[in-house]
C-alpha atoms as a PDB file:
ATOM      1  CA  UNK A   1     -51.596  18.445 -37.532  1.00  0.00           C
ATOM      2  CA  UNK A   2     -51.105  21.269 -39.852  1.00  0.00           C
ATOM      3  CA  UNK A   3     -48.289  22.808 -37.047  1.00  0.00           C
ATOM      4  CA  UNK A   4     -45.950  19.367 -37.004  1.00  0.00           C
ATOM      5  CA  UNK A   5     -43.750  17.611 -39.342  1.00  0.00           C
ATOM      6  CA  UNK A   6     -44.886  14.788 -41.710  1.00  0.00           C
ATOM      7  CA  UNK A   7     -41.526  12.744 -40.251  1.00  0.00           C
ATOM      8  CA  UNK A   8     -40.319  13.578 -44.076  1.00  0.00           C
ATOM      9  CA  UNK A   9     -37.208  15.495 -43.468  1.00  0.00           C
ATOM     10  CA  UNK A  10     -35.593  18.312 -41.355  1.00  0.00           C
ATOM     11  CA  UNK A  11     -34.315  21.523 -42.877  1.00  0.00           C
ATOM     12  CA  UNK A  12     -30.331  22.289 -41.446  1.00  0.00           C
ATOM     13  CA  UNK A  13     -29.342  25.854 -41.414  1.00  0.00           C
ATOM     14  CA  UNK A  14     -25.405  24.984 -41.537  1.00  0.00           C
ATOM     15  CA  UNK A  15     -22.646  26.948 -40.745  1.00  0.00           C
ATOM     16  CA  UNK A  16     -23.820  29.839 -43.142  1.00  0.00           C
ATOM     17  CA  UNK A  17     -26.442  31.205 -45.366  1.00  0.00           C
ATOM     18  CA  UNK A  18     -24.246  33.553 -47.197  1.00  0.00           C
ATOM     19  CA  UNK A  19     -23.795  32.398 -50.979  1.00  0.00           C
ATOM     20  CA  UNK A  20     -20.398  33.604 -51.263  1.00  0.00           C
ATOM     21  CA  UNK A  21     -19.104  31.734 -48.597  1.00  0.00           C
ATOM     22  CA  UNK A  22     -19.971  28.248 -49.562  1.00  0.00           C
ATOM     23  CA  UNK A  23     -17.364  27.149 -52.017  1.00  0.00           C
ATOM     24  CA  UNK A  24     -14.757  28.618 -49.480  1.00  0.00           C
ATOM     25  CA  UNK A  25     -16.342  26.492 -46.802  1.00  0.00           C
ATOM     26  CA  UNK A  26     -16.739  24.136 -48.855  1.00  0.00           C
ATOM     27  CA  UNK A  27     -12.774  23.963 -49.716  1.00  0.00           C
ATOM     28  CA  UNK A  28     -11.796  24.654 -46.022  1.00  0.00           C
ATOM     29  CA  UNK A  29     -13.680  21.749 -44.264  1.00  0.00           C
ATOM     30  CA  UNK A  30     -12.738  19.101 -47.170  1.00  0.00           C
ATOM     31  CA  UNK A  31      -9.163  19.804 -46.870  1.00  0.00           C
ATOM     32  CA  UNK A  32      -9.439  19.221 -43.141  1.00  0.00           C
ATOM     33  CA  UNK A  33     -11.586  16.302 -43.377  1.00  0.00           C
ATOM     34  CA  UNK A  34      -8.757  15.035 -46.085  1.00  0.00           C
ATOM     35  CA  UNK A  35      -6.063  15.939 -43.511  1.00  0.00           C
ATOM     36  CA  UNK A  36      -8.180  13.992 -40.715  1.00  0.00           C
ATOM     37  CA  UNK A  37      -7.826  10.557 -42.584  1.00  0.00           C
ATOM     38  CA  UNK A  38      -4.396  10.987 -44.286  1.00  0.00           C
ATOM     39  CA  UNK A  39      -3.181  11.925 -40.295  1.00  0.00           C
ATOM     40  CA  UNK A  40      -5.215   9.104 -38.464  1.00  0.00           C
ATOM     41  CA  UNK A  41      -4.840   6.302 -41.150  1.00  0.00           C
ATOM     42  CA  UNK A  42      -0.977   7.354 -41.086  1.00  0.00           C
ATOM     43  CA  UNK A  43      -0.909   6.769 -37.662  1.00  0.00           C
ATOM     44  CA  UNK A  44      -3.172   3.639 -37.551  1.00  0.00           C
ATOM     45  CA  UNK A  45      -0.646   2.115 -39.897  1.00  0.00           C
ATOM     46  CA  UNK A  46       2.236   3.193 -37.608  1.00  0.00           C
ATOM     47  CA  UNK A  47       0.766   1.713 -34.718  1.00  0.00           C
ATOM     48  CA  UNK A  48      -0.441  -1.733 -36.369  1.00  0.00           C
ATOM     49  CA  UNK A  49       2.766  -2.185 -38.418  1.00  0.00           C
ATOM     50  CA  UNK A  50       5.706  -1.389 -36.247  1.00  0.00           C
ATOM     51  CA  UNK A  51       6.199  -3.538 -33.185  1.00  0.00           C
ATOM     52  CA  UNK A  52       7.890  -0.685 -31.128  1.00  0.00           C
ATOM     53  CA  UNK A  53       4.131   0.638 -30.560  1.00  0.00           C
ATOM     54  CA  UNK A  54       2.330  -2.849 -29.867  1.00  0.00           C
ATOM     55  CA  UNK A  55       1.778  -1.422 -26.114  1.00  0.00           C
ATOM     56  CA  UNK A  56      -1.238  -0.623 -24.321  1.00  0.00           C
ATOM     57  CA  UNK A  57      -0.841   3.080 -24.451  1.00  0.00           C
ATOM     58  CA  UNK A  58      -0.628   3.048 -28.164  1.00  0.00           C
ATOM     59  CA  UNK A  59      -3.575   0.543 -28.376  1.00  0.00           C
ATOM     60  CA  UNK A  60      -5.812   2.786 -26.842  1.00  0.00           C
ATOM     61  CA  UNK A  61      -4.275   5.319 -29.551  1.00  0.00           C
ATOM     62  CA  UNK A  62      -5.241   3.846 -32.510  1.00  0.00           C
ATOM     63  CA  UNK A  63      -8.839   3.269 -31.047  1.00  0.00           C
ATOM     64  CA  UNK A  64      -8.676   7.192 -30.423  1.00  0.00           C
ATOM     65  CA  UNK A  65      -7.663   7.825 -34.459  1.00  0.00           C
ATOM     66  CA  UNK A  66     -10.036   5.217 -35.283  1.00  0.00           C
ATOM     67  CA  UNK A  67     -12.980   7.023 -33.562  1.00  0.00           C
ATOM     68  CA  UNK A  68     -11.599  10.383 -35.312  1.00  0.00           C
ATOM     69  CA  UNK A  69     -12.093   8.921 -38.429  1.00  0.00           C
ATOM     70  CA  UNK A  70     -15.444   7.570 -37.650  1.00  0.00           C
ATOM     71  CA  UNK A  71     -16.635  10.788 -35.849  1.00  0.00           C
ATOM     72  CA  UNK A  72     -15.688  13.262 -38.714  1.00  0.00           C
ATOM     73  CA  UNK A  73     -17.494  10.679 -41.202  1.00  0.00           C
ATOM     74  CA  UNK A  74     -20.676  11.074 -39.237  1.00  0.00           C
ATOM     75  CA  UNK A  75     -21.153  14.758 -40.419  1.00  0.00           C
ATOM     76  CA  UNK A  76     -18.340  16.350 -43.254  1.00  0.00           C
ATOM     77  CA  UNK A  77     -19.538  14.344 -45.966  1.00  0.00           C
ATOM     78  CA  UNK A  78     -23.102  15.767 -45.497  1.00  0.00           C
ATOM     79  CA  UNK A  79     -21.974  19.567 -44.335  1.00  0.00           C
ATOM     80  CA  UNK A  80     -19.808  18.945 -48.061  1.00  0.00           C
ATOM     81  CA  UNK A  81     -22.851  18.084 -50.222  1.00  0.00           C
ATOM     82  CA  UNK A  82     -24.738  21.223 -48.445  1.00  0.00           C
ATOM     83  CA  UNK A  83     -22.579  23.632 -48.985  1.00  0.00           C
ATOM     84  CA  UNK A  84     -23.210  22.781 -52.896  1.00  0.00           C
ATOM     85  CA  UNK A  85     -27.022  23.184 -52.225  1.00  0.00           C
ATOM     86  CA  UNK A  86     -29.504  26.031 -51.771  1.00  0.00           C
ATOM     87  CA  UNK A  87     -32.090  23.520 -49.740  1.00  0.00           C
ATOM     88  CA  UNK A  88     -29.742  21.576 -46.813  1.00  0.00           C
ATOM     89  CA  UNK A  89     -32.064  18.646 -45.832  1.00  0.00           C
ATOM     90  CA  UNK A  90     -31.981  15.577 -44.098  1.00  0.00           C
ATOM     91  CA  UNK A  91     -34.535  13.149 -44.120  1.00  0.00           C
ATOM     92  CA  UNK A  92     -36.205  12.439 -40.881  1.00  0.00           C
ATOM     93  CA  UNK A  93     -34.497   8.844 -40.214  1.00  0.00           C
ATOM     94  CA  UNK A  94     -31.336  10.158 -41.386  1.00  0.00           C
ATOM     95  CA  UNK A  95     -31.148  12.460 -38.842  1.00  0.00           C
ATOM     96  CA  UNK A  96     -31.904   9.931 -36.031  1.00  0.00           C
ATOM     97  CA  UNK A  97     -29.353   8.037 -37.771  1.00  0.00           C
ATOM     98  CA  UNK A  98     -26.555  10.815 -37.652  1.00  0.00           C
ATOM     99  CA  UNK A  99     -27.536  11.408 -34.252  1.00  0.00           C
ATOM    100  CA  UNK A 100     -26.978   8.147 -32.846  1.00  0.00           C
ATOM    101  CA  UNK A 101     -23.642   7.303 -34.375  1.00  0.00           C
ATOM    102  CA  UNK A 102     -22.451  11.435 -33.379  1.00  0.00           C
ATOM    103  CA  UNK A 103     -23.497  11.022 -29.658  1.00  0.00           C
ATOM    104  CA  UNK A 104     -21.910   8.131 -29.579  1.00  0.00           C
ATOM    105  CA  UNK A 105     -18.770   8.397 -31.179  1.00  0.00           C
ATOM    106  CA  UNK A 106     -18.348  11.483 -28.850  1.00  0.00           C
ATOM    107  CA  UNK A 107     -19.266  10.098 -26.022  1.00  0.00           C
ATOM    108  CA  UNK A 108     -16.626   7.284 -26.739  1.00  0.00           C
ATOM    109  CA  UNK A 109     -14.391   9.842 -27.126  1.00  0.00           C
ATOM    110  CA  UNK A 110     -14.694  11.127 -23.398  1.00  0.00           C
ATOM    111  CA  UNK A 111     -14.275   7.559 -22.091  1.00  0.00           C
ATOM    112  CA  UNK A 112     -10.945   6.789 -23.988  1.00  0.00           C
ATOM    113  CA  UNK A 113      -9.335  10.203 -23.384  1.00  0.00           C
ATOM    114  CA  UNK A 114      -9.978   8.878 -19.842  1.00  0.00           C
ATOM    115  CA  UNK A 115      -9.165   5.480 -20.040  1.00  0.00           C
ATOM    116  CA  UNK A 116      -5.911   6.712 -21.349  1.00  0.00           C
ATOM    117  CA  UNK A 117      -5.475   9.233 -18.298  1.00  0.00           C
ATOM    118  CA  UNK A 118      -5.706   5.605 -16.485  1.00  0.00           C
ATOM    119  CA  UNK A 119      -2.768   4.195 -18.778  1.00  0.00           C
ATOM    120  CA  UNK A 120      -0.583   6.933 -17.855  1.00  0.00           C
ATOM    121  CA  UNK A 121      -1.356   6.823 -14.399  1.00  0.00           C
ATOM    122  CA  UNK A 122      -0.279   3.025 -14.056  1.00  0.00           C
ATOM    123  CA  UNK A 123       2.454   3.533 -16.890  1.00  0.00           C
ATOM    124  CA  UNK A 124       4.039   6.089 -14.166  1.00  0.00           C
ATOM    125  CA  UNK A 125       2.878   5.206 -10.459  1.00  0.00           C
ATOM    126  CA  UNK A 126       3.474   1.963 -10.961  1.00  0.00           C
ATOM    127  CA  UNK A 127       6.029   1.043 -13.783  1.00  0.00           C
ATOM    128  CA  UNK A 128       7.243  -2.350 -12.673  1.00  0.00           C
ATOM    129  CA  UNK A 129       3.626  -3.790 -12.603  1.00  0.00           C
ATOM    130  CA  UNK A 130       2.591  -1.965 -15.876  1.00  0.00           C
ATOM    131  CA  UNK A 131       2.413  -4.471 -18.239  1.00  0.00           C
ATOM    132  CA  UNK A 132       1.142  -6.393 -15.779  1.00  0.00           C
ATOM    133  CA  UNK A 133      -1.981  -4.380 -14.682  1.00  0.00           C
ATOM    134  CA  UNK A 134      -2.309  -3.182 -18.180  1.00  0.00           C
ATOM    135  CA  UNK A 135      -2.226  -6.757 -19.918  1.00  0.00           C
ATOM    136  CA  UNK A 136      -4.052  -7.477 -23.548  1.00  0.00           C
ATOM    137  CA  UNK A 137      -7.574  -8.516 -21.065  1.00  0.00           C
ATOM    138  CA  UNK A 138      -7.750  -5.095 -19.866  1.00  0.00           C
ATOM    139  CA  UNK A 139      -6.648  -3.102 -22.184  1.00  0.00           C
ATOM    140  CA  UNK A 140      -9.608  -4.999 -24.547  1.00  0.00           C
ATOM    141  CA  UNK A 141     -12.206  -4.699 -21.167  1.00  0.00           C
ATOM    142  CA  UNK A 142     -11.225  -0.972 -20.865  1.00  0.00           C
ATOM    143  CA  UNK A 143     -11.593  -0.453 -24.687  1.00  0.00           C
ATOM    144  CA  UNK A 144     -14.824  -2.209 -25.361  1.00  0.00           C
ATOM    145  CA  UNK A 145     -16.201  -0.910 -22.257  1.00  0.00           C
ATOM    146  CA  UNK A 146     -15.675   2.519 -23.965  1.00  0.00           C
ATOM    147  CA  UNK A 147     -17.090   1.673 -26.723  1.00  0.00           C
ATOM    148  CA  UNK A 148     -20.018  -0.209 -25.167  1.00  0.00           C
ATOM    149  CA  UNK A 149     -21.307   2.556 -22.239  1.00  0.00           C
ATOM    150  CA  UNK A 150     -21.146   5.020 -25.104  1.00  0.00           C
ATOM    151  CA  UNK A 151     -23.444   2.897 -27.489  1.00  0.00           C
ATOM    152  CA  UNK A 152     -25.540   2.179 -24.860  1.00  0.00           C
ATOM    153  CA  UNK A 153     -26.183   6.125 -23.709  1.00  0.00           C
ATOM    154  CA  UNK A 154     -26.621   7.131 -27.595  1.00  0.00           C
ATOM    155  CA  UNK A 155     -29.212   4.220 -28.100  1.00  0.00           C
ATOM    156  CA  UNK A 156     -30.773   5.650 -25.007  1.00  0.00           C
ATOM    157  CA  UNK A 157     -30.832   9.265 -26.288  1.00  0.00           C
ATOM    158  CA  UNK A 158     -31.657   8.692 -29.684  1.00  0.00           C
ATOM    159  CA  UNK A 159     -34.482   6.555 -28.887  1.00  0.00           C
ATOM    160  CA  UNK A 160     -36.627   8.927 -26.797  1.00  0.00           C
ATOM    161  CA  UNK A 161     -35.610  11.871 -29.405  1.00  0.00           C
ATOM    162  CA  UNK A 162     -36.775   9.874 -31.927  1.00  0.00           C
ATOM    163  CA  UNK A 163     -40.051   9.792 -30.503  1.00  0.00           C
ATOM    164  CA  UNK A 164     -40.763  13.546 -29.721  1.00  0.00           C
ATOM    165  CA  UNK A 165     -43.333  15.264 -31.869  1.00  0.00           C
ATOM    166  CA  UNK A 166     -41.697  18.394 -34.027  1.00  0.00           C
ATOM    167  CA  UNK A 167     -43.393  21.458 -34.866  1.00  0.00           C
ATOM    168  CA  UNK A 168     -44.352  22.502 -38.637  1.00  0.00           C
ATOM    169  CA  UNK A 169     -41.135  25.015 -37.754  1.00  0.00           C
ATOM    170  CA  UNK A 170     -38.817  22.356 -38.538  1.00  0.00           C
ATOM    171  CA  UNK A 171     -35.348  24.045 -39.254  1.00  0.00           C
ATOM    172  CA  UNK A 172     -32.726  22.476 -37.200  1.00  0.00           C
ATOM    173  CA  UNK A 173     -30.356  25.640 -36.441  1.00  0.00           C
ATOM    174  CA  UNK A 174     -27.199  23.421 -36.794  1.00  0.00           C
ATOM    175  CA  UNK A 175     -25.000  22.006 -39.494  1.00  0.00           C
ATOM    176  CA  UNK A 176     -25.970  18.578 -38.726  1.00  0.00           C
ATOM    177  CA  UNK A 177     -28.721  16.814 -36.424  1.00  0.00           C
ATOM    178  CA  UNK A 178     -27.582  16.980 -32.550  1.00  0.00           C
ATOM    179  CA  UNK A 179     -29.689  16.506 -29.614  1.00  0.00           C
ATOM    180  CA  UNK A 180     -29.943  19.799 -27.633  1.00  0.00           C
ATOM    181  CA  UNK A 181     -31.214  21.530 -31.483  1.00  0.00           C
ATOM    182  CA  UNK A 182     -33.694  18.807 -32.127  1.00  0.00           C
ATOM    183  CA  UNK A 183     -35.084  19.439 -28.710  1.00  0.00           C
ATOM    184  CA  UNK A 184     -35.517  23.316 -29.365  1.00  0.00           C
ATOM    185  CA  UNK A 185     -37.687  22.484 -32.237  1.00  0.00           C
ATOM    186  CA  UNK A 186     -39.793  19.449 -30.324  1.00  0.00           C
ATOM    187  CA  UNK A 187     -43.920  20.674 -29.632  1.00  0.00           C
ATOM    188  CA  UNK A 188     -43.437  17.784 -27.288  1.00  0.00           C
ATOM    189  CA  UNK A 189     -42.878  17.473 -23.552  1.00  0.00           C
ATOM    190  CA  UNK A 190     -39.097  17.216 -23.846  1.00  0.00           C
ATOM    191  CA  UNK A 191     -38.400  17.367 -19.739  1.00  0.00           C
ATOM    192  CA  UNK A 192     -37.262  13.912 -19.800  1.00  0.00           C
ATOM    193  CA  UNK A 193     -34.955  14.626 -22.313  1.00  0.00           C
ATOM    194  CA  UNK A 194     -33.396  17.438 -21.254  1.00  0.00           C
ATOM    195  CA  UNK A 195     -32.758  15.738 -17.533  1.00  0.00           C
ATOM    196  CA  UNK A 196     -31.216  12.391 -19.271  1.00  0.00           C
ATOM    197  CA  UNK A 197     -29.522  14.843 -21.660  1.00  0.00           C
ATOM    198  CA  UNK A 198     -27.562  16.720 -18.726  1.00  0.00           C
ATOM    199  CA  UNK A 199     -26.878  13.209 -16.672  1.00  0.00           C
ATOM    200  CA  UNK A 200     -25.481  12.076 -19.484  1.00  0.00           C
ATOM    201  CA  UNK A 201     -23.335  14.887 -19.763  1.00  0.00           C
ATOM    202  CA  UNK A 202     -22.180  15.213 -16.486  1.00  0.00           C
ATOM    203  CA  UNK A 203     -21.622  10.995 -16.517  1.00  0.00           C
ATOM    204  CA  UNK A 204     -19.588  10.857 -19.691  1.00  0.00           C
ATOM    205  CA  UNK A 205     -17.840  14.756 -19.476  1.00  0.00           C
ATOM    206  CA  UNK A 206     -17.271  15.806 -16.014  1.00  0.00           C
ATOM    207  CA  UNK A 207     -17.227  12.649 -15.195  1.00  0.00           C
ATOM    208  CA  UNK A 208     -14.742  11.683 -17.288  1.00  0.00           C
ATOM    209  CA  UNK A 209     -12.619  14.800 -17.044  1.00  0.00           C
ATOM    210  CA  UNK A 210     -12.568  14.451 -13.178  1.00  0.00           C
ATOM    211  CA  UNK A 211     -11.206  10.957 -13.296  1.00  0.00           C
ATOM    212  CA  UNK A 212      -8.625  12.537 -15.854  1.00  0.00           C
ATOM    213  CA  UNK A 213      -7.862  15.254 -13.652  1.00  0.00           C
ATOM    214  CA  UNK A 214      -7.374  12.718 -10.503  1.00  0.00           C
ATOM    215  CA  UNK A 215      -5.555  10.567 -12.451  1.00  0.00           C
ATOM    216  CA  UNK A 216      -2.994  13.395 -13.273  1.00  0.00           C
ATOM    217  CA  UNK A 217      -2.807  14.353  -9.722  1.00  0.00           C
ATOM    218  CA  UNK A 218      -1.401  11.074  -9.031  1.00  0.00           C
ATOM    219  CA  UNK A 219       0.976  11.438 -11.908  1.00  0.00           C
ATOM    220  CA  UNK A 220       2.251  14.972 -10.968  1.00  0.00           C
ATOM    221  CA  UNK A 221       2.825  13.468  -7.127  1.00  0.00           C
ATOM    222  CA  UNK A 222       5.020  10.994  -8.718  1.00  0.00           C
ATOM    223  CA  UNK A 223       6.700  13.087 -11.142  1.00  0.00           C
ATOM    224  CA  UNK A 224       7.337  15.545  -8.622  1.00  0.00           C
ATOM    225  CA  UNK A 225       9.443  12.494  -6.343  1.00  0.00           C
ATOM    226  CA  UNK A 226      11.716  11.908  -9.371  1.00  0.00           C
ATOM    227  CA  UNK A 227      15.412  13.275  -8.040  1.00  0.00           C
ATOM    228  CA  UNK A 228      16.409  14.998 -11.555  1.00  0.00           C
ATOM    229  CA  UNK A 229      15.189  17.284 -13.711  1.00  0.00           C
ATOM    230  CA  UNK A 230      15.600  15.490 -16.777  1.00  0.00           C
ATOM    231  CA  UNK A 231      13.892  12.708 -15.688  1.00  0.00           C
ATOM    232  CA  UNK A 232      10.500  14.922 -14.558  1.00  0.00           C
ATOM    233  CA  UNK A 233      10.757  16.157 -17.946  1.00  0.00           C
ATOM    234  CA  UNK A 234      11.074  12.639 -20.085  1.00  0.00           C
ATOM    235  CA  UNK A 235       8.598  11.104 -17.466  1.00  0.00           C
ATOM    236  CA  UNK A 236       6.050  14.171 -17.907  1.00  0.00           C
ATOM    237  CA  UNK A 237       6.802  14.276 -22.078  1.00  0.00           C
ATOM    238  CA  UNK A 238       5.003  10.833 -21.969  1.00  0.00           C
ATOM    239  CA  UNK A 239       1.692  12.454 -21.056  1.00  0.00           C
ATOM    240  CA  UNK A 240       2.192  16.040 -22.722  1.00  0.00           C
ATOM    241  CA  UNK A 241       0.542  14.849 -26.220  1.00  0.00           C
ATOM    242  CA  UNK A 242      -2.671  13.325 -23.982  1.00  0.00           C
ATOM    243  CA  UNK A 243      -3.126  16.503 -21.669  1.00  0.00           C
ATOM    244  CA  UNK A 244      -2.943  19.072 -24.518  1.00  0.00           C
ATOM    245  CA  UNK A 245      -5.909  16.709 -26.814  1.00  0.00           C
ATOM    246  CA  UNK A 246      -7.768  16.475 -23.225  1.00  0.00           C
ATOM    247  CA  UNK A 247      -7.853  20.344 -23.201  1.00  0.00           C
ATOM    248  CA  UNK A 248      -8.935  20.846 -26.649  1.00  0.00           C
ATOM    249  CA  UNK A 249     -11.969  18.490 -26.394  1.00  0.00           C
ATOM    250  CA  UNK A 250     -13.314  19.061 -23.227  1.00  0.00           C
ATOM    251  CA  UNK A 251     -12.290  22.810 -23.225  1.00  0.00           C
ATOM    252  CA  UNK A 252     -14.636  22.814 -26.246  1.00  0.00           C
ATOM    253  CA  UNK A 253     -17.685  20.554 -25.113  1.00  0.00           C
ATOM    254  CA  UNK A 254     -17.949  21.821 -21.816  1.00  0.00           C
ATOM    255  CA  UNK A 255     -18.356  25.111 -23.466  1.00  0.00           C
ATOM    256  CA  UNK A 256     -20.797  23.991 -25.499  1.00  0.00           C
ATOM    257  CA  UNK A 257     -22.775  21.669 -23.468  1.00  0.00           C
ATOM    258  CA  UNK A 258     -22.606  23.034 -19.790  1.00  0.00           C
ATOM    259  CA  UNK A 259     -22.985  27.072 -20.435  1.00  0.00           C
ATOM    260  CA  UNK A 260     -26.352  28.862 -19.646  1.00  0.00           C
ATOM    261  CA  UNK A 261     -28.788  28.534 -21.971  1.00  0.00           C
ATOM    262  CA  UNK A 262     -29.369  32.196 -22.160  1.00  0.00           C
ATOM    263  CA  UNK A 263     -26.004  32.390 -23.796  1.00  0.00           C
ATOM    264  CA  UNK A 264     -26.557  30.258 -26.797  1.00  0.00           C
ATOM    265  CA  UNK A 265     -26.627  31.502 -29.898  1.00  0.00           C
ATOM    266  CA  UNK A 266     -26.626  29.366 -33.245  1.00  0.00           C
ATOM    267  CA  UNK A 267     -23.717  30.863 -34.729  1.00  0.00           C
ATOM    268  CA  UNK A 268     -21.615  29.991 -31.796  1.00  0.00           C
ATOM    269  CA  UNK A 269     -22.526  26.912 -31.479  1.00  0.00           C
ATOM    270  CA  UNK A 270     -21.793  26.084 -34.739  1.00  0.00           C
ATOM    271  CA  UNK A 271     -18.653  26.955 -34.596  1.00  0.00           C
ATOM    272  CA  UNK A 272     -17.535  25.067 -31.458  1.00  0.00           C
ATOM    273  CA  UNK A 273     -19.654  22.198 -33.032  1.00  0.00           C
ATOM    274  CA  UNK A 274     -16.964  22.326 -36.204  1.00  0.00           C
ATOM    275  CA  UNK A 275     -13.766  22.579 -33.685  1.00  0.00           C
ATOM    276  CA  UNK A 276     -14.683  20.010 -31.605  1.00  0.00           C
ATOM    277  CA  UNK A 277     -16.329  17.722 -34.346  1.00  0.00           C
ATOM    278  CA  UNK A 278     -13.689  18.366 -37.452  1.00  0.00           C
ATOM    279  CA  UNK A 279     -10.798  20.025 -36.023  1.00  0.00           C
ATOM    280  CA  UNK A 280      -9.737  18.236 -33.108  1.00  0.00           C
ATOM    281  CA  UNK A 281      -9.758  15.115 -34.583  1.00  0.00           C
ATOM    282  CA  UNK A 282      -7.547  16.621 -37.677  1.00  0.00           C
ATOM    283  CA  UNK A 283      -4.885  17.768 -34.892  1.00  0.00           C
ATOM    284  CA  UNK A 284      -5.448  14.711 -32.744  1.00  0.00           C
ATOM    285  CA  UNK A 285      -2.480  12.997 -34.830  1.00  0.00           C
ATOM    286  CA  UNK A 286      -0.814  15.562 -35.437  1.00  0.00           C
ATOM    287  CA  UNK A 287      -0.259  16.044 -31.822  1.00  0.00           C
ATOM    288  CA  UNK A 288       0.490  13.227 -30.794  1.00  0.00           C
ATOM    289  CA  UNK A 289       3.197  12.417 -33.735  1.00  0.00           C
ATOM    290  CA  UNK A 290       4.390  16.236 -33.233  1.00  0.00           C
ATOM    291  CA  UNK A 291       6.464  15.545 -30.023  1.00  0.00           C
ATOM    292  CA  UNK A 292       6.502  11.757 -29.941  1.00  0.00           C
ATOM    293  CA  UNK A 293       9.711  10.021 -31.277  1.00  0.00           C
ATOM    294  CA  UNK A 294       8.520   7.000 -30.759  1.00  0.00           C
ATOM    295  CA  UNK A 295       5.908   7.532 -33.841  1.00  0.00           C
ATOM    296  CA  UNK A 296       7.820   9.741 -36.071  1.00  0.00           C
ATOM    297  CA  UNK A 297      10.389   6.852 -35.793  1.00  0.00           C
ATOM    298  CA  UNK A 298       7.180   4.579 -37.189  1.00  0.00           C
ATOM    299  CA  UNK A 299       5.968   6.802 -39.431  1.00  0.00           C
ATOM    300  CA  UNK A 300       9.323   6.591 -40.925  1.00  0.00           C
ATOM    301  CA  UNK A 301       9.752   3.145 -41.021  1.00  0.00           C
ATOM    302  CA  UNK A 302       6.307   2.525 -42.484  1.00  0.00           C
ATOM    303  CA  UNK A 303       6.988   4.740 -45.393  1.00  0.00           C
ATOM    304  CA  UNK A 304      10.310   3.450 -46.110  1.00  0.00           C
ATOM    305  CA  UNK A 305       8.315  -0.066 -46.428  1.00  0.00           C
ATOM    306  CA  UNK A 306       5.321   1.111 -48.747  1.00  0.00           C
ATOM    307  CA  UNK A 307       7.851   2.918 -51.126  1.00  0.00           C
ATOM    308  CA  UNK A 308      10.617   0.078 -50.728  1.00  0.00           C
ATOM    309  CA  UNK A 309       8.068  -3.057 -51.045  1.00  0.00           C
ATOM    310  CA  UNK A 310       6.923  -1.916 -54.539  1.00  0.00           C
ATOM    311  CA  UNK A 311      10.068  -1.391 -55.990  1.00  0.00           C
ATOM    312  CA  UNK A 312      11.699  -4.705 -54.645  1.00  0.00           C
ATOM    313  CA  UNK A 313       8.618  -6.168 -56.328  1.00  0.00           C
ATOM    314  CA  UNK A 314       9.315  -4.401 -59.623  1.00  0.00           C
END
């Protein structure tokens, strides 16, 4: 048993082993994490308190903002601590807890982006029936289904990975605990794990992306039937933010999970993971606020309310 782990801890290699980069990386990721919280909490507040945003589209956007906060909180706080430590250790159970939540939130994001594409499809292709089809019960069911299916998938992946035997070389070539890097250091037969991981990647990744693309094929067809160019631009603008987020998220995730195993490198994989697990959640509220006049107006009203409230009380 000397060649096996004691199930006490794993060692995460992190983004960089160069001592001179630890403080700059700490400052950079702390800043991004702070911006993620500020941006997404602001967006959630606007959706919560402004009645103009009490629509299905913003209900799902609120889910996405809450998800992005959870997504980054799963990995970034520990990463920040490790930047300040020489030994980047994580306990055995903590590693699989982190794996569960990261897989859970990442899979939920795939499902939610597909649901948001369906919402845009109904809004543009069936505008007169939009609020009938996308009623409160339907929205709750779609959101709940996204969270529940992702939770089930994550539970299966994490349970199987936690039962594997890990070799004495228990250094994980990553900055957090994820399924693929852990499978690489296992001494057990990982064929079942690999098959299920591939199937899940296709179901949540490619499946959700195909559903999104098909939705946009119908959306584009409906937009092209609009007679005026101004009308086409206004209608398409309601989808622009979602298309941008989908492109960023799936572009990095597909490159990470579906490229040939022979082309994997620790540095490249870590950088790509940092983009979809830290950078994109920070950018999402900016993307949805930048060209969305409804969100901009709601944010201004919430800020005025927060500023004037204490003054009136005083």
